[in-house]
Amino acid sequence: MENEQSSVFDIVIWSGATISVLGLIGLIWCILRVSRAKRAKLDDDAMREVLRTALPLNLGALFLSVIGLMMVIVGIFLG
């Protein structure tokens, strides 16, 4: 068996995958939060407040998942 060491690109790939999974978990959490609020049939002001707090978290989670996927692609191309 070969004793293969981890290269920097392997670390970039796995850290990118981890970051992407964290972003995906954040996106799922935002979806669940808004769907729970929708099922609760909140009034307009309460629904706007839920959406107002969920939107920045949704964009942050989307950013994390995109950055993670870019790290994976860069690690694969350069590795």
C-alpha atoms as a PDB file:
ATOM      1  CA  MET A   1       0.000   0.000   0.000  1.00  0.00           C
ATOM      2  CA  GLU A   2       1.135   3.484  -0.723  1.00  0.00           C
ATOM      3  CA  ASN A   3       1.636   5.909   2.096  1.00  0.00           C
ATOM      4  CA  GLU A   4      -0.037   8.904   0.496  1.00  0.00           C
ATOM      5  CA  GLN A   5       0.192  12.208   2.306  1.00  0.00           C
ATOM      6  CA  SER A   6      -2.540  14.816   2.191  1.00  0.00           C
ATOM      7  CA  SER A   7      -1.688  17.671  -0.079  1.00  0.00           C
ATOM      8  CA  VAL A   8      -2.810  21.229   0.378  1.00  0.00           C
ATOM      9  CA  PHE A   9      -5.417  20.672  -2.313  1.00  0.00           C
ATOM     10  CA  ASP A  10      -6.951  17.747  -0.446  1.00  0.00           C
ATOM     11  CA  ILE A  11      -7.356  20.041   2.538  1.00  0.00           C
ATOM     12  CA  VAL A  12      -8.925  22.713   0.308  1.00  0.00           C
ATOM     13  CA  ILE A  13     -11.346  20.157  -1.142  1.00  0.00           C
ATOM     14  CA  TRP A  14     -12.460  18.780   2.225  1.00  0.00           C
ATOM     15  CA  SER A  15     -12.697  22.177   3.908  1.00  0.00           C
ATOM     16  CA  GLY A  16     -14.719  23.440   0.927  1.00  0.00           C
ATOM     17  CA  ALA A  17     -17.039  20.456   1.209  1.00  0.00           C
ATOM     18  CA  THR A  18     -17.488  21.130   4.923  1.00  0.00           C
ATOM     19  CA  ILE A  19     -18.243  24.804   4.323  1.00  0.00           C
ATOM     20  CA  SER A  20     -20.687  23.878   1.567  1.00  0.00           C
ATOM     21  CA  VAL A  21     -22.513  21.429   3.852  1.00  0.00           C
ATOM     22  CA  LEU A  22     -22.758  24.107   6.556  1.00  0.00           C
ATOM     23  CA  GLY A  23     -24.301  26.450   4.004  1.00  0.00           C
ATOM     24  CA  LEU A  24     -26.745  23.747   2.940  1.00  0.00           C
ATOM     25  CA  ILE A  25     -27.761  23.188   6.564  1.00  0.00           C
ATOM     26  CA  GLY A  26     -28.355  26.936   6.886  1.00  0.00           C
ATOM     27  CA  LEU A  27     -30.518  26.954   3.762  1.00  0.00           C
ATOM     28  CA  ILE A  28     -32.589  24.039   5.046  1.00  0.00           C
ATOM     29  CA  TRP A  29     -33.001  25.793   8.400  1.00  0.00           C
ATOM     30  CA  CYS A  30     -34.280  28.946   6.650  1.00  0.00           C
ATOM     31  CA  ILE A  31     -36.728  26.923   4.571  1.00  0.00           C
ATOM     32  CA  LEU A  32     -38.072  25.171   7.653  1.00  0.00           C
ATOM     33  CA  ARG A  33     -38.371  28.419   9.591  1.00  0.00           C
ATOM     34  CA  VAL A  34     -40.372  30.170   6.876  1.00  0.00           C
ATOM     35  CA  SER A  35     -42.569  27.142   6.196  1.00  0.00           C
ATOM     36  CA  ARG A  36     -43.377  26.868   9.918  1.00  0.00           C
ATOM     37  CA  ALA A  37     -44.356  30.529   9.941  1.00  0.00           C
ATOM     38  CA  LYS A  38     -46.473  30.007   6.834  1.00  0.00           C
ATOM     39  CA  ARG A  39     -48.264  27.024   8.393  1.00  0.00           C
ATOM     40  CA  ALA A  40     -48.925  29.058  11.549  1.00  0.00           C
ATOM     41  CA  LYS A  41     -50.897  31.517   9.372  1.00  0.00           C
ATOM     42  CA  LEU A  42     -49.350  34.562  11.007  1.00  0.00           C
ATOM     43  CA  ASP A  43     -50.692  38.006  10.311  1.00  0.00           C
ATOM     44  CA  ASP A  44     -48.909  40.202   7.785  1.00  0.00           C
ATOM     45  CA  ASP A  45     -46.674  42.057  10.253  1.00  0.00           C
ATOM     46  CA  ALA A  46     -45.534  38.903  12.034  1.00  0.00           C
ATOM     47  CA  MET A  47     -44.813  37.164   8.725  1.00  0.00           C
ATOM     48  CA  ARG A  48     -42.792  40.155   7.553  1.00  0.00           C
ATOM     49  CA  GLU A  49     -40.756  40.007  10.764  1.00  0.00           C
ATOM     50  CA  VAL A  50     -40.007  36.311  10.264  1.00  0.00           C
ATOM     51  CA  LEU A  51     -38.993  36.968   6.662  1.00  0.00           C
ATOM     52  CA  ARG A  52     -36.943  40.005   7.693  1.00  0.00           C
ATOM     53  CA  THR A  53     -34.865  37.869  10.063  1.00  0.00           C
ATOM     54  CA  ALA A  54     -34.642  34.862   7.726  1.00  0.00           C
ATOM     55  CA  LEU A  55     -33.488  36.743   4.628  1.00  0.00           C
ATOM     56  CA  PRO A  56     -29.960  37.714   5.798  1.00  0.00           C
ATOM     57  CA  LEU A  57     -29.406  34.224   7.168  1.00  0.00           C
ATOM     58  CA  ASN A  58     -30.583  32.760   3.864  1.00  0.00           C
ATOM     59  CA  LEU A  59     -28.192  34.936   1.871  1.00  0.00           C
ATOM     60  CA  GLY A  60     -25.320  34.110   4.236  1.00  0.00           C
ATOM     61  CA  ALA A  61     -25.994  30.387   3.937  1.00  0.00           C
ATOM     62  CA  LEU A  62     -26.156  30.674   0.155  1.00  0.00           C
ATOM     63  CA  PHE A  63     -22.848  32.552   0.178  1.00  0.00           C
ATOM     64  CA  LEU A  64     -21.242  29.833   2.314  1.00  0.00           C
ATOM     65  CA  SER A  65     -22.408  27.060   0.050  1.00  0.00           C
ATOM     66  CA  VAL A  66     -21.189  28.869  -3.086  1.00  0.00           C
ATOM     67  CA  ILE A  67     -17.776  29.620  -1.555  1.00  0.00           C
ATOM     68  CA  GLY A  68     -17.477  26.010  -0.420  1.00  0.00           C
ATOM     69  CA  LEU A  69     -18.306  24.686  -3.874  1.00  0.00           C
ATOM     70  CA  MET A  70     -15.785  27.065  -5.439  1.00  0.00           C
ATOM     71  CA  MET A  71     -13.130  25.782  -3.023  1.00  0.00           C
ATOM     72  CA  VAL A  72     -13.935  22.209  -4.032  1.00  0.00           C
ATOM     73  CA  ILE A  73     -13.697  23.036  -7.745  1.00  0.00           C
ATOM     74  CA  VAL A  74     -10.413  24.927  -7.330  1.00  0.00           C
ATOM     75  CA  GLY A  75      -8.957  22.076  -5.265  1.00  0.00           C
ATOM     76  CA  ILE A  76      -9.943  19.523  -7.890  1.00  0.00           C
ATOM     77  CA  PHE A  77      -8.593  21.551 -10.813  1.00  0.00           C
ATOM     78  CA  LEU A  78      -5.284  22.406  -9.149  1.00  0.00           C
ATOM     79  CA  GLY A  79      -4.814  19.065  -7.379  1.00  0.00           C
END
